[in-house]
Amino acid sequence: MGTDFDAEGLLDGLDGAAREARLELLEQLEAEGVPLDDLHAASRDGRLLFVGAERAMGGQARYSTR
């Protein structure tokens, strides 16, 4: 069984289609081996959507939505 992203607070404030899309993204990133701590950090920094690209490029995260 995978991580309970709701209990982890990674779905807070989302409902409907936005919640489903976030859950799908989190499940995909988890399946690709992204550690939970990294998911929390990316969510907090507003760059969760870019984690896959960051990993594909092999570099350090340098940008956020801020």
PDB file of N, CA and C in Angstrom:
ATOM      1  N   MET A   1       0.848  -1.194   0.000  1.00  0.00           N
ATOM      2  CA  MET A   1       0.000   0.000   0.000  1.00  0.00           C
ATOM      3  C   MET A   1       0.882   1.242   0.000  1.00  0.00           C
ATOM      4  N   GLY A   2       0.474   2.256  -0.749  1.00  0.00           N
ATOM      5  CA  GLY A   2       1.255   3.480  -0.875  1.00  0.00           C
ATOM      6  C   GLY A   2       1.059   4.423   0.297  1.00  0.00           C
ATOM      7  N   THR A   3       1.675   5.537   0.193  1.00  0.00           N
ATOM      8  CA  THR A   3       1.613   6.574   1.206  1.00  0.00           C
ATOM      9  C   THR A   3       0.222   7.184   1.276  1.00  0.00           C
ATOM     10  N   ASP A   4      -0.219   7.505   2.473  1.00  0.00           N
ATOM     11  CA  ASP A   4      -1.484   8.211   2.667  1.00  0.00           C
ATOM     12  C   ASP A   4      -1.191   9.704   2.560  1.00  0.00           C
ATOM     13  N   PHE A   5      -1.265  10.220   1.340  1.00  0.00           N
ATOM     14  CA  PHE A   5      -0.910  11.607   1.091  1.00  0.00           C
ATOM     15  C   PHE A   5      -1.852  12.580   1.788  1.00  0.00           C
ATOM     16  N   ASP A   6      -3.080  12.173   2.008  1.00  0.00           N
ATOM     17  CA  ASP A   6      -4.023  13.014   2.746  1.00  0.00           C
ATOM     18  C   ASP A   6      -3.546  13.181   4.186  1.00  0.00           C
ATOM     19  N   ALA A   7      -3.182  12.083   4.824  1.00  0.00           N
ATOM     20  CA  ALA A   7      -2.687  12.132   6.203  1.00  0.00           C
ATOM     21  C   ALA A   7      -1.373  12.907   6.293  1.00  0.00           C
ATOM     22  N   GLU A   8      -0.612  12.898   5.215  1.00  0.00           N
ATOM     23  CA  GLU A   8       0.660  13.628   5.178  1.00  0.00           C
ATOM     24  C   GLU A   8       0.456  15.128   4.961  1.00  0.00           C
ATOM     25  N   GLY A   9      -0.781  15.538   4.678  1.00  0.00           N
ATOM     26  CA  GLY A   9      -1.073  16.953   4.484  1.00  0.00           C
ATOM     27  C   GLY A   9      -0.802  17.452   3.077  1.00  0.00           C
ATOM     28  N   LEU A  10      -0.509  16.561   2.157  1.00  0.00           N
ATOM     29  CA  LEU A  10      -0.160  16.976   0.802  1.00  0.00           C
ATOM     30  C   LEU A  10      -1.373  17.214  -0.096  1.00  0.00           C
ATOM     31  N   LEU A  11      -2.569  16.984   0.444  1.00  0.00           N
ATOM     32  CA  LEU A  11      -3.795  17.244  -0.306  1.00  0.00           C
ATOM     33  C   LEU A  11      -4.647  18.327   0.363  1.00  0.00           C
ATOM     34  N   ASP A  12      -4.096  18.956   1.389  1.00  0.00           N
ATOM     35  CA  ASP A  12      -4.832  19.976   2.137  1.00  0.00           C
ATOM     36  C   ASP A  12      -5.284  21.119   1.228  1.00  0.00           C
ATOM     37  N   GLY A  13      -6.515  21.535   1.413  1.00  0.00           N
ATOM     38  CA  GLY A  13      -7.061  22.672   0.685  1.00  0.00           C
ATOM     39  C   GLY A  13      -7.510  22.371  -0.735  1.00  0.00           C
ATOM     40  N   LEU A  14      -7.434  21.118  -1.135  1.00  0.00           N
ATOM     41  CA  LEU A  14      -7.821  20.759  -2.497  1.00  0.00           C
ATOM     42  C   LEU A  14      -9.073  19.904  -2.477  1.00  0.00           C
ATOM     43  N   ASP A  15      -9.898  20.054  -3.495  1.00  0.00           N
ATOM     44  CA  ASP A  15     -11.054  19.179  -3.645  1.00  0.00           C
ATOM     45  C   ASP A  15     -11.343  18.984  -5.133  1.00  0.00           C
ATOM     46  N   GLY A  16     -12.194  18.052  -5.410  1.00  0.00           N
ATOM     47  CA  GLY A  16     -12.608  17.788  -6.786  1.00  0.00           C
ATOM     48  C   GLY A  16     -11.460  17.410  -7.698  1.00  0.00           C
ATOM     49  N   ALA A  17     -11.479  17.987  -8.889  1.00  0.00           N
ATOM     50  CA  ALA A  17     -10.496  17.657  -9.922  1.00  0.00           C
ATOM     51  C   ALA A  17      -9.076  18.035  -9.505  1.00  0.00           C
ATOM     52  N   ALA A  18      -8.924  19.128  -8.787  1.00  0.00           N
ATOM     53  CA  ALA A  18      -7.588  19.549  -8.341  1.00  0.00           C
ATOM     54  C   ALA A  18      -6.995  18.528  -7.384  1.00  0.00           C
ATOM     55  N   ARG A  19      -7.820  18.001  -6.491  1.00  0.00           N
ATOM     56  CA  ARG A  19      -7.365  16.994  -5.534  1.00  0.00           C
ATOM     57  C   ARG A  19      -6.979  15.708  -6.261  1.00  0.00           C
ATOM     58  N   GLU A  20      -7.794  15.288  -7.210  1.00  0.00           N
ATOM     59  CA  GLU A  20      -7.507  14.073  -7.968  1.00  0.00           C
ATOM     60  C   GLU A  20      -6.211  14.221  -8.776  1.00  0.00           C
ATOM     61  N   ALA A  21      -6.017  15.383  -9.383  1.00  0.00           N
ATOM     62  CA  ALA A  21      -4.807  15.617 -10.171  1.00  0.00           C
ATOM     63  C   ALA A  21      -3.571  15.603  -9.271  1.00  0.00           C
ATOM     64  N   ARG A  22      -3.662  16.242  -8.106  1.00  0.00           N
ATOM     65  CA  ARG A  22      -2.537  16.248  -7.170  1.00  0.00           C
ATOM     66  C   ARG A  22      -2.236  14.843  -6.695  1.00  0.00           C
ATOM     67  N   LEU A  23      -3.261  14.070  -6.371  1.00  0.00           N
ATOM     68  CA  LEU A  23      -3.070  12.699  -5.910  1.00  0.00           C
ATOM     69  C   LEU A  23      -2.393  11.862  -6.991  1.00  0.00           C
ATOM     70  N   GLU A  24      -2.836  12.012  -8.230  1.00  0.00           N
ATOM     71  CA  GLU A  24      -2.224  11.271  -9.336  1.00  0.00           C
ATOM     72  C   GLU A  24      -0.752  11.636  -9.491  1.00  0.00           C
ATOM     73  N   LEU A  25      -0.437  12.924  -9.397  1.00  0.00           N
ATOM     74  CA  LEU A  25       0.950  13.374  -9.504  1.00  0.00           C
ATOM     75  C   LEU A  25       1.794  12.797  -8.370  1.00  0.00           C
ATOM     76  N   LEU A  26       1.287  12.870  -7.145  1.00  0.00           N
ATOM     77  CA  LEU A  26       2.025  12.343  -5.999  1.00  0.00           C
ATOM     78  C   LEU A  26       2.270  10.847  -6.126  1.00  0.00           C
ATOM     79  N   GLU A  27       1.272  10.114  -6.572  1.00  0.00           N
ATOM     80  CA  GLU A  27       1.424   8.668  -6.746  1.00  0.00           C
ATOM     81  C   GLU A  27       2.462   8.353  -7.818  1.00  0.00           C
ATOM     82  N   GLN A  28       2.464   9.124  -8.892  1.00  0.00           N
ATOM     83  CA  GLN A  28       3.434   8.922  -9.971  1.00  0.00           C
ATOM     84  C   GLN A  28       4.844   9.214  -9.467  1.00  0.00           C
ATOM     85  N   LEU A  29       5.017  10.323  -8.768  1.00  0.00           N
ATOM     86  CA  LEU A  29       6.338  10.684  -8.259  1.00  0.00           C
ATOM     87  C   LEU A  29       6.834   9.667  -7.241  1.00  0.00           C
ATOM     88  N   GLU A  30       5.933   9.185  -6.392  1.00  0.00           N
ATOM     89  CA  GLU A  30       6.312   8.160  -5.417  1.00  0.00           C
ATOM     90  C   GLU A  30       6.756   6.882  -6.136  1.00  0.00           C
ATOM     91  N   ALA A  31       6.024   6.497  -7.175  1.00  0.00           N
ATOM     92  CA  ALA A  31       6.368   5.294  -7.940  1.00  0.00           C
ATOM     93  C   ALA A  31       7.726   5.438  -8.628  1.00  0.00           C
ATOM     94  N   GLU A  32       8.100   6.664  -8.950  1.00  0.00           N
ATOM     95  CA  GLU A  32       9.401   6.930  -9.585  1.00  0.00           C
ATOM     96  C   GLU A  32      10.525   7.015  -8.560  1.00  0.00           C
ATOM     97  N   GLY A  33      10.173   6.882  -7.279  1.00  0.00           N
ATOM     98  CA  GLY A  33      11.200   6.852  -6.239  1.00  0.00           C
ATOM     99  C   GLY A  33      11.497   8.167  -5.555  1.00  0.00           C
ATOM    100  N   VAL A  34      10.648   9.175  -5.746  1.00  0.00           N
ATOM    101  CA  VAL A  34      10.871  10.450  -5.073  1.00  0.00           C
ATOM    102  C   VAL A  34      10.550  10.268  -3.590  1.00  0.00           C
ATOM    103  N   PRO A  35      11.506  10.567  -2.715  1.00  0.00           N
ATOM    104  CA  PRO A  35      11.271  10.407  -1.277  1.00  0.00           C
ATOM    105  C   PRO A  35      10.176  11.346  -0.758  1.00  0.00           C
ATOM    106  N   LEU A  36       9.481  10.902   0.265  1.00  0.00           N
ATOM    107  CA  LEU A  36       8.396  11.688   0.853  1.00  0.00           C
ATOM    108  C   LEU A  36       8.881  13.053   1.322  1.00  0.00           C
ATOM    109  N   ASP A  37      10.067  13.111   1.900  1.00  0.00           N
ATOM    110  CA  ASP A  37      10.604  14.406   2.350  1.00  0.00           C
ATOM    111  C   ASP A  37      10.750  15.380   1.181  1.00  0.00           C
ATOM    112  N   ASP A  38      11.159  14.863   0.029  1.00  0.00           N
ATOM    113  CA  ASP A  38      11.285  15.713  -1.157  1.00  0.00           C
ATOM    114  C   ASP A  38       9.920  16.196  -1.643  1.00  0.00           C
ATOM    115  N   LEU A  39       8.914  15.330  -1.546  1.00  0.00           N
ATOM    116  CA  LEU A  39       7.560  15.730  -1.932  1.00  0.00           C
ATOM    117  C   LEU A  39       7.044  16.830  -1.014  1.00  0.00           C
ATOM    118  N   HIS A  40       7.296  16.701   0.276  1.00  0.00           N
ATOM    119  CA  HIS A  40       6.893  17.746   1.221  1.00  0.00           C
ATOM    120  C   HIS A  40       7.591  19.070   0.900  1.00  0.00           C
ATOM    121  N   ALA A  41       8.899  19.005   0.676  1.00  0.00           N
ATOM    122  CA  ALA A  41       9.667  20.222   0.385  1.00  0.00           C
ATOM    123  C   ALA A  41       9.181  20.876  -0.902  1.00  0.00           C
ATOM    124  N   ALA A  42       8.959  20.081  -1.937  1.00  0.00           N
ATOM    125  CA  ALA A  42       8.499  20.624  -3.218  1.00  0.00           C
ATOM    126  C   ALA A  42       7.119  21.237  -3.081  1.00  0.00           C
ATOM    127  N   SER A  43       6.246  20.595  -2.319  1.00  0.00           N
ATOM    128  CA  SER A  43       4.908  21.133  -2.098  1.00  0.00           C
ATOM    129  C   SER A  43       4.984  22.459  -1.343  1.00  0.00           C
ATOM    130  N   ARG A  44       5.788  22.489  -0.318  1.00  0.00           N
ATOM    131  CA  ARG A  44       5.950  23.701   0.492  1.00  0.00           C
ATOM    132  C   ARG A  44       6.516  24.847  -0.336  1.00  0.00           C
ATOM    133  N   ASP A  45       7.438  24.525  -1.279  1.00  0.00           N
ATOM    134  CA  ASP A  45       8.097  25.547  -2.091  1.00  0.00           C
ATOM    135  C   ASP A  45       7.329  25.909  -3.360  1.00  0.00           C
ATOM    136  N   GLY A  46       6.187  25.238  -3.589  1.00  0.00           N
ATOM    137  CA  GLY A  46       5.396  25.538  -4.774  1.00  0.00           C
ATOM    138  C   GLY A  46       5.985  25.010  -6.065  1.00  0.00           C
ATOM    139  N   ARG A  47       6.768  23.939  -5.993  1.00  0.00           N
ATOM    140  CA  ARG A  47       7.401  23.409  -7.197  1.00  0.00           C
ATOM    141  C   ARG A  47       7.110  21.924  -7.408  1.00  0.00           C
ATOM    142  N   LEU A  48       6.054  21.434  -6.789  1.00  0.00           N
ATOM    143  CA  LEU A  48       5.713  20.023  -6.900  1.00  0.00           C
ATOM    144  C   LEU A  48       5.528  19.607  -8.355  1.00  0.00           C
ATOM    145  N   LEU A  49       4.923  20.453  -9.131  1.00  0.00           N
ATOM    146  CA  LEU A  49       4.676  20.164 -10.542  1.00  0.00           C
ATOM    147  C   LEU A  49       5.967  19.973 -11.330  1.00  0.00           C
ATOM    148  N   PHE A  50       7.061  20.540 -10.851  1.00  0.00           N
ATOM    149  CA  PHE A  50       8.323  20.521 -11.592  1.00  0.00           C
ATOM    150  C   PHE A  50       9.288  19.431 -11.134  1.00  0.00           C
ATOM    151  N   VAL A  51       8.920  18.650 -10.119  1.00  0.00           N
ATOM    152  CA  VAL A  51       9.824  17.640  -9.572  1.00  0.00           C
ATOM    153  C   VAL A  51      10.250  16.635 -10.642  1.00  0.00           C
ATOM    154  N   GLY A  52       9.331  16.188 -11.449  1.00  0.00           N
ATOM    155  CA  GLY A  52       9.662  15.229 -12.500  1.00  0.00           C
ATOM    156  C   GLY A  52      10.695  15.786 -13.464  1.00  0.00           C
ATOM    157  N   ALA A  53      10.515  17.028 -13.888  1.00  0.00           N
ATOM    158  CA  ALA A  53      11.466  17.663 -14.805  1.00  0.00           C
ATOM    159  C   ALA A  53      12.817  17.856 -14.136  1.00  0.00           C
ATOM    160  N   GLU A  54      12.819  18.252 -12.877  1.00  0.00           N
ATOM    161  CA  GLU A  54      14.076  18.422 -12.143  1.00  0.00           C
ATOM    162  C   GLU A  54      14.848  17.110 -12.107  1.00  0.00           C
ATOM    163  N   ARG A  55      14.131  16.018 -11.837  1.00  0.00           N
ATOM    164  CA  ARG A  55      14.784  14.715 -11.772  1.00  0.00           C
ATOM    165  C   ARG A  55      15.291  14.287 -13.149  1.00  0.00           C
ATOM    166  N   ALA A  56      14.508  14.553 -14.180  1.00  0.00           N
ATOM    167  CA  ALA A  56      14.907  14.170 -15.534  1.00  0.00           C
ATOM    168  C   ALA A  56      16.160  14.926 -15.970  1.00  0.00           C
ATOM    169  N   MET A  57      16.267  16.186 -15.549  1.00  0.00           N
ATOM    170  CA  MET A  57      17.415  17.001 -15.904  1.00  0.00           C
ATOM    171  C   MET A  57      18.607  16.679 -15.018  1.00  0.00           C
ATOM    172  N   GLY A  58      18.363  16.021 -13.895  1.00  0.00           N
ATOM    173  CA  GLY A  58      19.457  15.603 -13.026  1.00  0.00           C
ATOM    174  C   GLY A  58      20.100  16.720 -12.234  1.00  0.00           C
ATOM    175  N   GLY A  59      19.439  17.829 -12.128  1.00  0.00           N
ATOM    176  CA  GLY A  59      20.042  18.963 -11.420  1.00  0.00           C
ATOM    177  C   GLY A  59      19.371  19.259 -10.105  1.00  0.00           C
ATOM    178  N   GLN A  60      19.961  20.177  -9.407  1.00  0.00           N
ATOM    179  CA  GLN A  60      19.398  20.664  -8.166  1.00  0.00           C
ATOM    180  C   GLN A  60      18.218  21.584  -8.487  1.00  0.00           C
ATOM    181  N   ALA A  61      17.248  21.576  -7.593  1.00  0.00           N
ATOM    182  CA  ALA A  61      16.110  22.482  -7.757  1.00  0.00           C
ATOM    183  C   ALA A  61      16.595  23.911  -7.555  1.00  0.00           C
ATOM    184  N   ARG A  62      16.306  24.766  -8.542  1.00  0.00           N
ATOM    185  CA  ARG A  62      16.738  26.152  -8.434  1.00  0.00           C
ATOM    186  C   ARG A  62      15.596  27.147  -8.554  1.00  0.00           C
ATOM    187  N   TYR A  63      14.442  26.665  -8.945  1.00  0.00           N
ATOM    188  CA  TYR A  63      13.351  27.581  -9.198  1.00  0.00           C
ATOM    189  C   TYR A  63      12.111  27.153  -8.413  1.00  0.00           C
ATOM    190  N   SER A  64      11.308  28.107  -8.077  1.00  0.00           N
ATOM    191  CA  SER A  64      10.016  27.848  -7.459  1.00  0.00           C
ATOM    192  C   SER A  64       9.022  28.834  -8.044  1.00  0.00           C
ATOM    193  N   THR A  65       7.776  28.715  -7.666  1.00  0.00           N
ATOM    194  CA  THR A  65       6.778  29.656  -8.167  1.00  0.00           C
ATOM    195  C   THR A  65       6.912  31.025  -7.513  1.00  0.00           C
ATOM    196  N   ARG A  66       7.659  31.105  -6.446  1.00  0.00           N
ATOM    197  CA  ARG A  66       7.914  32.398  -5.799  1.00  0.00           C
ATOM    198  C   ARG A  66       8.897  33.132  -6.631  1.00  0.00           C
TER     199      ARG A  66
END
